[in-house]
Amino acid sequence: MNNRILLNIRHQCIIFYLNAIYPAILKYRARKVGKKDKIEVVFFAMNVAMWRYQGVYDLLSKENRFNCHIVFTVPKTFTKEQQAADLKQMREYFGSKGIEYIDHEEEAGFDVKNKINPDILFYPQPYEDIFSKNHDFSLFKSKLLCLIPYSVNVAFHNYWTSDLVFHNLAWKVYCASSMEQHNAAKVAKNHARNWIVSGYCNLDKYCNNDFHDVWKVKERSLKRLIWAPHFTIAQVSWFKARSNFLWMAQLMLDIAEQRKDVLQIAFKPHPRLKSELYRHPDWGEEKTDEYYQRWEDMVNTQLETGDFVDLFKTSDAMIHDCGSFTAEYLYVNKPVAFVSDNIEQLKIPHSDFGLAALDQHYILKDKDDVLAFINDVVLGGNDPKKEQRTRFFETVLRPDVTGTTSQFIVDDIKKSLGL
């Protein structure tokens, strides 16, 4: 019997286990946990920008049967400087809200397994071996693992988005739409049986009327533009279609300076961009830190590295090249532009949903396009895509669920525990 046949047999056995046996194991675990007087729940937080569990945490903390813990963790892929900055920002964020948290005090991370012995764990990302040793989900495979993706996926569902070990072993994966669940089912070994359509986790925040004006200049005669560059800065192969920071860095500062009488710009970089620039031969730590500082110091600019919901809600438009924001910004239904000098190449890995989301964008390929978008759409108010964006939001982005997304998730958890 050759290796290919053996591998196929092993693959089929895994599929059989995940679909015929493992669901019953999860159900048994959930019912067993539901009989406990106190259910220990851990929410891992890696940075403020990717924190999606506030609503669920708030609701679950009010339930007498649950002890909820927020535990800080740091990704190994981030530099020490970035890790320190993220930890500092999380301390300020949760501290300002009066929310207790467990800090990241040692290299291995807080010993969650022995000091809390959690029953349910909510992770910010599904990847193995990216967090501290004591936080890796491989330590908790016998527990009830949950995931709320930090963004709405716009790419084809593949191994990384839907078929990792975490995806297949998780108790619950809450997703934004039935389209996302359907696409995941095509590639996941467990056919996405554990994917629950809850609606996007940030939808609750976008749909309420509460917000804090986070812009430096409160005068509304100045238009408010967000520039959100991705961390990809490679200039070769496919990445060039989504690698724009190097040529846009000075351009956006120049625009801010030249149009300061009518425009203010918020620099919203991907959390990983600073780490990548620190490693770049033409940038490094000193140049990167000086560049970021300029955005903080100019009279009509600001640096935004934390939670962005209020920033989005109080903005007028955005320019970006981030996959996660391709759908995210559409929830506020304002003019948005995607930067790429080869949009057809960039579209290749996108799902039908992703292509539809991209179609709501103005596409900018060079400096002239950037200037035209700012002058015509942002400052001039000429927004021909407004009607189709509104239609997309109403027919695609609004989930068919009752109540808020957070309440739906909490109700689903309680029901599944038999409470």
Protein backbone atom coordinates (compact mmCIF):
# COMPACT_ATOMS: atom_id res chain seq x y z
CA MET A 1 0.00 0.00 0.00
CA ASN A 2 1.65 3.25 -1.12
CA ASN A 3 1.88 6.47 0.88
CA ARG A 4 -0.80 8.22 -1.15
CA ILE A 5 -3.37 5.56 -0.28
CA LEU A 6 -2.38 5.65 3.40
CA LEU A 7 -2.69 9.41 3.48
CA ASN A 8 -6.11 9.24 1.86
CA ILE A 9 -7.28 6.64 4.41
CA ARG A 10 -6.00 8.82 7.23
CA HIS A 11 -7.75 11.86 5.74
CA GLN A 12 -11.05 9.99 5.49
CA CYS A 13 -10.71 8.77 9.09
CA ILE A 14 -10.19 12.34 10.29
CA ILE A 15 -13.26 13.51 8.36
CA PHE A 16 -15.33 10.67 9.80
CA TYR A 17 -14.18 11.48 13.33
CA LEU A 18 -14.86 15.21 13.00
CA ASN A 19 -18.34 14.73 11.55
CA ALA A 20 -19.64 11.52 13.13
CA ILE A 21 -17.95 11.33 16.54
CA TYR A 22 -16.51 14.66 17.63
CA PRO A 23 -19.82 16.62 17.61
CA ALA A 24 -21.16 14.18 20.22
CA ILE A 25 -18.01 14.68 22.31
CA LEU A 26 -18.46 18.46 22.19
CA LYS A 27 -22.11 18.14 23.15
CA TYR A 28 -21.16 15.96 26.13
CA ARG A 29 -18.49 18.46 27.23
CA ALA A 30 -20.93 21.34 26.96
CA ARG A 31 -23.62 19.60 29.02
CA LYS A 32 -21.02 18.67 31.64
CA VAL A 33 -19.82 22.28 31.87
CA GLY A 34 -23.43 23.48 32.06
CA LYS A 35 -23.91 21.52 35.30
CA LYS A 36 -21.14 23.41 37.10
CA ASP A 37 -22.05 26.01 39.70
CA LYS A 38 -19.47 28.40 38.25
CA ILE A 39 -18.28 28.31 34.66
CA GLU A 40 -14.81 29.76 34.08
CA VAL A 41 -14.50 31.76 30.84
CA VAL A 42 -11.27 33.23 29.45
CA PHE A 43 -11.15 35.96 26.81
CA PHE A 44 -7.69 36.38 25.29
CA ALA A 45 -6.88 39.95 24.19
CA MET A 46 -3.89 40.62 21.91
CA ASN A 47 -4.42 44.32 21.15
CA VAL A 48 -7.20 46.89 21.22
CA ALA A 49 -7.58 47.06 17.43
CA MET A 50 -8.46 43.35 17.25
CA TRP A 51 -10.53 43.13 20.46
CA ARG A 52 -13.99 41.94 19.41
CA TYR A 53 -15.40 40.46 22.62
CA GLN A 54 -16.46 43.53 24.59
CA GLY A 55 -20.20 43.05 24.03
CA VAL A 56 -20.09 39.32 24.78
CA TYR A 57 -17.90 39.90 27.84
CA ASP A 58 -20.23 42.59 29.19
CA LEU A 59 -23.32 40.39 28.86
CA LEU A 60 -21.71 37.17 30.06
CA SER A 61 -20.17 38.91 33.09
CA LYS A 62 -23.66 39.81 34.31
CA GLU A 63 -24.69 36.15 34.39
CA ASN A 64 -24.28 34.62 37.87
CA ARG A 65 -23.10 31.28 36.53
CA PHE A 66 -20.06 32.69 34.72
CA ASN A 67 -16.69 33.90 35.98
CA CYS A 68 -15.15 35.91 33.14
CA HIS A 69 -11.44 36.71 32.83
CA ILE A 70 -9.69 38.92 30.28
CA VAL A 71 -6.13 37.69 29.78
CA PHE A 72 -3.54 39.70 27.84
CA THR A 73 -1.46 37.79 25.32
CA VAL A 74 1.07 38.87 22.69
CA PRO A 75 1.76 37.48 19.20
CA LYS A 76 5.27 36.13 18.67
CA THR A 77 5.36 37.71 15.20
CA PHE A 78 5.32 41.22 16.68
CA THR A 79 8.51 42.95 17.76
CA LYS A 80 9.16 43.56 21.47
CA GLU A 81 8.47 47.24 20.90
CA GLN A 82 5.11 46.50 19.28
CA GLN A 83 4.19 44.04 22.02
CA ALA A 84 5.00 46.63 24.69
CA ALA A 85 2.97 49.30 22.87
CA ASP A 86 -0.03 46.97 22.51
CA LEU A 87 0.10 45.97 26.18
CA LYS A 88 0.28 49.62 27.25
CA GLN A 89 -2.71 50.51 25.07
CA MET A 90 -4.76 47.57 26.40
CA ARG A 91 -4.01 48.59 29.99
CA GLU A 92 -5.27 52.09 29.22
CA TYR A 93 -8.33 50.83 27.32
CA PHE A 94 -9.58 48.37 29.92
CA GLY A 95 -8.43 50.54 32.81
CA SER A 96 -10.46 53.51 31.53
CA LYS A 97 -13.55 51.28 31.48
CA GLY A 98 -12.91 49.94 34.97
CA ILE A 99 -12.61 46.39 33.63
CA GLU A 100 -10.35 43.96 35.47
CA TYR A 101 -7.74 42.12 33.42
CA ILE A 102 -4.83 39.73 33.88
CA ASP A 103 -1.65 41.30 32.56
CA HIS A 104 1.08 39.68 30.51
CA GLU A 105 3.73 39.44 33.22
CA GLU A 106 6.17 36.82 31.95
CA GLU A 107 7.57 35.44 28.71
CA ALA A 108 5.42 32.31 28.85
CA GLY A 109 2.28 34.28 29.63
CA PHE A 110 -0.06 33.97 32.59
CA ASP A 111 -0.58 30.31 33.53
CA VAL A 112 -4.22 30.10 32.48
CA LYS A 113 -4.46 26.32 32.64
CA ASN A 114 -3.37 25.87 36.26
CA LYS A 115 -4.48 29.16 37.80
CA ILE A 116 -7.95 29.43 36.19
CA ASN A 117 -8.64 25.98 34.70
CA PRO A 118 -11.08 27.47 32.18
CA ASP A 119 -14.12 25.73 30.75
CA ILE A 120 -14.60 28.07 27.77
CA LEU A 121 -11.90 30.06 25.96
CA PHE A 122 -12.41 32.83 23.40
CA TYR A 123 -9.42 33.34 21.10
CA PRO A 124 -8.66 36.42 18.95
CA GLN A 125 -7.04 34.34 16.19
CA PRO A 126 -7.15 30.62 15.31
CA TYR A 127 -3.47 30.08 14.56
CA GLU A 128 -1.33 27.56 16.41
CA ASP A 129 1.91 28.57 18.12
CA ILE A 130 1.57 32.34 17.64
CA PHE A 131 0.90 33.22 21.27
CA SER A 132 2.87 32.61 24.46
CA LYS A 133 3.47 29.04 25.56
CA ASN A 134 0.84 29.12 28.29
CA HIS A 135 -1.79 30.53 25.93
CA ASP A 136 -1.49 28.23 22.93
CA PHE A 137 -4.81 26.57 22.21
CA SER A 138 -3.10 23.16 21.96
CA LEU A 139 -3.13 23.16 25.78
CA PHE A 140 -6.92 23.44 25.80
CA LYS A 141 -8.13 20.98 23.18
CA SER A 142 -10.27 19.25 25.80
CA LYS A 143 -12.04 22.55 26.59
CA LEU A 144 -14.73 24.48 24.74
CA LEU A 145 -12.91 26.74 22.26
CA CYS A 146 -14.66 29.71 20.66
CA LEU A 147 -13.74 32.15 17.92
CA ILE A 148 -15.27 35.37 16.68
CA PRO A 149 -13.15 36.36 13.66
CA TYR A 150 -11.81 39.89 14.07
CA SER A 151 -12.81 40.75 10.51
CA VAL A 152 -15.26 39.76 7.80
CA ASN A 153 -13.41 37.43 5.45
CA VAL A 154 -13.39 38.60 1.82
CA ALA A 155 -11.03 35.98 0.38
CA PHE A 156 -11.80 32.48 -0.84
CA HIS A 157 -12.18 30.25 2.16
CA ASN A 158 -9.15 28.00 2.39
CA TYR A 159 -7.02 26.13 4.89
CA TRP A 160 -5.99 29.31 6.72
CA THR A 161 -9.46 30.82 6.98
CA SER A 162 -11.60 27.74 7.62
CA ASP A 163 -9.70 24.46 7.94
CA LEU A 164 -7.02 24.93 10.58
CA VAL A 165 -6.92 22.57 13.55
CA PHE A 166 -8.62 25.24 15.65
CA HIS A 167 -11.50 25.63 13.17
CA ASN A 168 -12.16 21.89 13.23
CA LEU A 169 -11.84 21.40 16.99
CA ALA A 170 -13.62 24.58 18.11
CA TRP A 171 -16.93 24.37 19.88
CA LYS A 172 -18.22 27.55 18.22
CA VAL A 173 -17.09 29.77 15.35
CA TYR A 174 -19.38 32.79 15.04
CA CYS A 175 -19.45 34.30 11.55
CA ALA A 176 -20.89 37.38 9.89
CA SER A 177 -23.19 35.89 7.24
CA SER A 178 -24.69 32.71 5.82
CA MET A 179 -22.51 33.31 2.76
CA GLU A 180 -19.41 33.03 4.93
CA GLN A 181 -20.69 29.85 6.58
CA HIS A 182 -21.53 28.33 3.20
CA ASN A 183 -18.07 29.11 1.80
CA ALA A 184 -16.35 27.67 4.88
CA ALA A 185 -18.35 24.45 4.57
CA LYS A 186 -16.79 23.85 1.16
CA VAL A 187 -13.26 23.53 2.54
CA ALA A 188 -13.44 22.62 6.24
CA LYS A 189 -12.98 18.97 7.14
CA ASN A 190 -15.89 19.23 9.55
CA HIS A 191 -17.99 20.96 6.86
CA ALA A 192 -18.25 24.04 9.13
CA ARG A 193 -20.75 22.24 11.39
CA ASN A 194 -19.61 24.44 14.27
CA TRP A 195 -19.99 27.75 12.38
CA ILE A 196 -22.89 29.84 13.67
CA VAL A 197 -24.28 32.83 11.76
CA SER A 198 -24.45 35.57 14.38
CA GLY A 199 -23.75 38.68 12.32
CA TYR A 200 -20.51 40.63 12.48
CA CYS A 201 -19.36 41.30 16.04
CA ASN A 202 -18.87 45.06 15.49
CA LEU A 203 -22.30 45.52 13.88
CA ASP A 204 -23.85 46.35 17.26
CA LYS A 205 -21.51 49.31 17.66
CA TYR A 206 -22.06 50.57 14.12
CA CYS A 207 -25.82 50.44 14.38
CA ASN A 208 -26.25 52.31 17.66
CA ASN A 209 -26.24 56.09 17.90
CA ASP A 210 -23.62 56.29 20.65
CA PHE A 211 -20.18 57.51 19.69
CA HIS A 212 -17.29 59.61 20.90
CA ASP A 213 -15.83 62.21 18.56
CA VAL A 214 -12.18 61.10 18.43
CA TRP A 215 -10.99 63.61 15.82
CA LYS A 216 -8.38 66.19 16.78
CA VAL A 217 -10.18 69.04 15.01
CA LYS A 218 -13.83 69.18 16.07
CA GLU A 219 -14.75 71.78 13.43
CA ARG A 220 -16.95 69.90 10.94
CA SER A 221 -16.09 72.23 8.08
CA LEU A 222 -12.92 70.14 7.73
CA LYS A 223 -13.59 66.84 5.97
CA ARG A 224 -12.38 63.76 7.86
CA LEU A 225 -10.37 61.22 5.87
CA ILE A 226 -8.88 57.96 7.18
CA TRP A 227 -5.78 56.47 5.56
CA ALA A 228 -5.37 52.83 6.58
CA PRO A 229 -2.34 51.16 4.95
CA HIS A 230 -1.73 47.41 5.17
CA PHE A 231 1.51 46.02 6.61
CA THR A 232 2.54 44.48 3.26
CA ILE A 233 5.49 46.45 1.90
CA ALA A 234 7.08 43.90 -0.47
CA GLN A 235 7.59 45.17 -4.00
CA VAL A 236 7.64 41.86 -5.85
CA SER A 237 5.18 39.25 -7.12
CA TRP A 238 1.54 39.26 -6.01
CA PHE A 239 2.20 41.44 -2.97
CA LYS A 240 2.91 44.46 -5.17
CA ALA A 241 -0.80 44.66 -5.97
CA ARG A 242 -1.34 45.33 -2.29
CA SER A 243 1.87 47.09 -1.34
CA ASN A 244 1.40 50.83 -1.37
CA PHE A 245 2.78 52.28 1.84
CA LEU A 246 6.26 53.07 0.52
CA TRP A 247 5.03 55.27 -2.34
CA MET A 248 2.12 56.76 -0.39
CA ALA A 249 3.93 57.60 2.85
CA GLN A 250 5.19 61.03 1.85
CA LEU A 251 2.26 61.72 -0.50
CA MET A 252 -0.30 61.51 2.31
CA LEU A 253 1.73 63.80 4.55
CA ASP A 254 2.05 66.30 1.69
CA ILE A 255 -1.71 66.22 1.08
CA ALA A 256 -2.39 66.79 4.77
CA GLU A 257 -0.06 69.80 4.77
CA GLN A 258 -1.34 71.29 1.51
CA ARG A 259 -5.06 70.90 2.30
CA LYS A 260 -5.03 71.64 6.03
CA ASP A 261 -7.60 74.38 5.57
CA VAL A 262 -10.26 71.91 4.37
CA LEU A 263 -9.05 68.41 5.32
CA GLN A 264 -7.83 66.40 8.29
CA ILE A 265 -6.42 62.89 7.98
CA ALA A 266 -6.25 60.06 10.52
CA PHE A 267 -3.35 57.66 9.94
CA LYS A 268 -4.70 54.18 10.85
CA PRO A 269 -1.89 51.72 10.10
CA HIS A 270 -2.25 47.95 10.34
CA PRO A 271 -1.02 46.86 13.81
CA ARG A 272 1.84 44.94 12.18
CA LEU A 273 3.09 47.78 9.93
CA LYS A 274 5.44 49.28 12.49
CA SER A 275 7.12 45.91 13.08
CA GLU A 276 7.61 45.47 9.33
CA LEU A 277 9.03 48.99 8.93
CA TYR A 278 11.43 48.42 11.82
CA ARG A 279 12.87 45.50 9.82
CA HIS A 280 12.91 47.32 6.47
CA PRO A 281 16.44 48.30 5.32
CA ASP A 282 15.33 51.77 4.19
CA TRP A 283 13.32 52.57 7.32
CA GLY A 284 14.34 51.09 10.68
CA GLU A 285 13.22 52.12 14.16
CA GLU A 286 14.31 55.76 14.18
CA LYS A 287 12.77 56.72 10.84
CA THR A 288 9.59 54.77 11.58
CA ASP A 289 9.12 56.36 14.99
CA GLU A 290 9.72 59.83 13.53
CA TYR A 291 7.18 59.18 10.78
CA TYR A 292 4.51 58.00 13.21
CA GLN A 293 5.22 60.99 15.44
CA ARG A 294 4.63 63.42 12.56
CA TRP A 295 1.10 62.13 12.22
CA GLU A 296 0.51 62.83 15.90
CA ASP A 297 2.06 66.31 15.80
CA MET A 298 0.57 68.02 12.73
CA VAL A 299 -2.38 70.30 13.44
CA ASN A 300 -4.78 68.42 11.16
CA THR A 301 -3.52 64.84 11.48
CA GLN A 302 -3.61 62.10 14.10
CA LEU A 303 -2.28 58.61 14.70
CA GLU A 304 -4.88 55.92 15.42
CA THR A 305 -3.66 52.52 16.60
CA GLY A 306 -6.50 51.35 18.83
CA ASP A 307 -10.22 50.74 18.57
CA PHE A 308 -11.58 52.28 15.37
CA VAL A 309 -15.37 52.05 15.52
CA ASP A 310 -15.86 55.65 16.68
CA LEU A 311 -13.21 56.76 14.19
CA PHE A 312 -15.17 55.12 11.36
CA LYS A 313 -18.56 56.40 12.54
CA THR A 314 -17.39 60.02 12.73
CA SER A 315 -15.33 60.02 9.51
CA ASP A 316 -16.32 61.16 6.02
CA ALA A 317 -14.31 58.71 3.89
CA MET A 318 -11.44 56.24 3.89
CA ILE A 319 -8.52 55.18 1.67
CA HIS A 320 -7.02 51.76 2.42
CA ASP A 321 -5.55 48.54 1.07
CA CYS A 322 -6.48 46.21 3.96
CA GLY A 323 -8.41 43.01 3.45
CA SER A 324 -10.21 43.26 6.79
CA PHE A 325 -11.44 46.79 6.09
CA THR A 326 -12.80 45.88 2.65
CA ALA A 327 -16.06 44.85 4.29
CA GLU A 328 -15.66 46.56 7.68
CA TYR A 329 -15.91 50.16 6.49
CA LEU A 330 -19.01 49.36 4.45
CA TYR A 331 -20.92 49.06 7.74
CA VAL A 332 -20.81 52.87 8.06
CA ASN A 333 -21.87 53.32 4.40
CA LYS A 334 -19.48 56.13 3.50
CA PRO A 335 -17.22 56.66 0.46
CA VAL A 336 -14.27 54.30 0.51
CA ALA A 337 -11.36 53.71 -1.88
CA PHE A 338 -9.04 50.73 -2.29
CA VAL A 339 -5.48 51.30 -3.50
CA SER A 340 -3.97 48.85 -5.99
CA ASP A 341 -2.07 49.24 -9.24
CA ASN A 342 -3.31 45.81 -10.36
CA ILE A 343 -6.79 45.31 -8.98
CA GLU A 344 -7.54 42.36 -11.28
CA GLN A 345 -4.61 40.44 -9.83
CA LEU A 346 -5.66 41.35 -6.33
CA LYS A 347 -9.19 40.08 -7.00
CA ILE A 348 -7.97 36.54 -7.75
CA PRO A 349 -8.12 35.18 -4.18
CA HIS A 350 -11.40 36.96 -3.37
CA SER A 351 -14.67 35.13 -2.83
CA ASP A 352 -17.95 36.22 -4.40
CA PHE A 353 -18.64 38.18 -1.23
CA GLY A 354 -15.19 39.77 -1.37
CA LEU A 355 -15.63 40.78 -4.99
CA ALA A 356 -19.01 42.31 -4.18
CA ALA A 357 -17.46 44.24 -1.28
CA LEU A 358 -14.63 45.48 -3.49
CA ASP A 359 -17.18 46.62 -6.05
CA GLN A 360 -18.45 49.15 -3.51
CA HIS A 361 -15.01 50.81 -3.56
CA TYR A 362 -13.44 53.43 -5.76
CA ILE A 363 -10.19 51.93 -7.08
CA LEU A 364 -7.04 54.08 -6.92
CA LYS A 365 -3.90 52.96 -8.75
CA ASP A 366 -1.58 55.96 -8.50
CA LYS A 367 -1.03 59.47 -7.15
CA ASP A 368 -3.41 61.08 -9.65
CA ASP A 369 -6.22 58.73 -8.61
CA VAL A 370 -5.60 59.47 -4.92
CA LEU A 371 -5.78 63.22 -5.54
CA ALA A 372 -8.89 62.86 -7.70
CA PHE A 373 -10.70 60.83 -5.02
CA ILE A 374 -9.87 63.37 -2.34
CA ASN A 375 -10.83 66.36 -4.47
CA ASP A 376 -13.94 64.98 -6.19
CA VAL A 377 -15.44 62.56 -3.66
CA VAL A 378 -14.18 63.58 -0.21
CA LEU A 379 -14.07 67.36 -0.63
CA GLY A 380 -16.43 67.73 -3.60
CA GLY A 381 -19.16 65.42 -2.30
CA ASN A 382 -19.54 63.60 -5.63
CA ASP A 383 -20.34 60.02 -4.54
CA PRO A 384 -21.90 58.00 -7.41
CA LYS A 385 -21.52 54.69 -5.51
CA LYS A 386 -23.70 55.78 -2.59
CA GLU A 387 -26.92 54.11 -3.75
CA GLN A 388 -25.33 50.75 -4.51
CA ARG A 389 -23.43 50.80 -1.18
CA THR A 390 -26.70 51.33 0.66
CA ARG A 391 -28.30 48.45 -1.21
CA PHE A 392 -25.32 46.19 -0.40
CA PHE A 393 -25.57 47.00 3.30
CA GLU A 394 -29.30 46.34 3.49
CA THR A 395 -29.29 43.10 1.47
CA VAL A 396 -25.95 41.52 2.40
CA LEU A 397 -24.38 42.95 5.56
CA ARG A 398 -27.45 43.02 7.80
CA PRO A 399 -27.77 39.53 9.38
CA ASP A 400 -31.08 37.71 9.66
CA VAL A 401 -30.91 37.39 13.45
CA THR A 402 -33.05 38.78 16.26
CA GLY A 403 -31.51 41.29 18.65
CA THR A 404 -27.88 42.30 18.86
CA THR A 405 -25.01 40.11 17.73
CA SER A 406 -23.56 39.92 21.24
CA GLN A 407 -26.89 38.90 22.78
CA PHE A 408 -27.38 36.26 20.09
CA ILE A 409 -23.96 34.77 20.90
CA VAL A 410 -24.58 34.74 24.65
CA ASP A 411 -28.01 33.16 24.19
CA ASP A 412 -26.53 30.51 21.89
CA ILE A 413 -23.82 29.66 24.44
CA LYS A 414 -26.32 29.37 27.29
CA LYS A 415 -28.65 27.21 25.21
CA SER A 416 -25.83 24.90 24.15
CA LEU A 417 -24.75 24.52 27.79
CA GLY A 418 -28.29 23.54 28.71
CA LEU A 419 -28.83 26.58 30.91
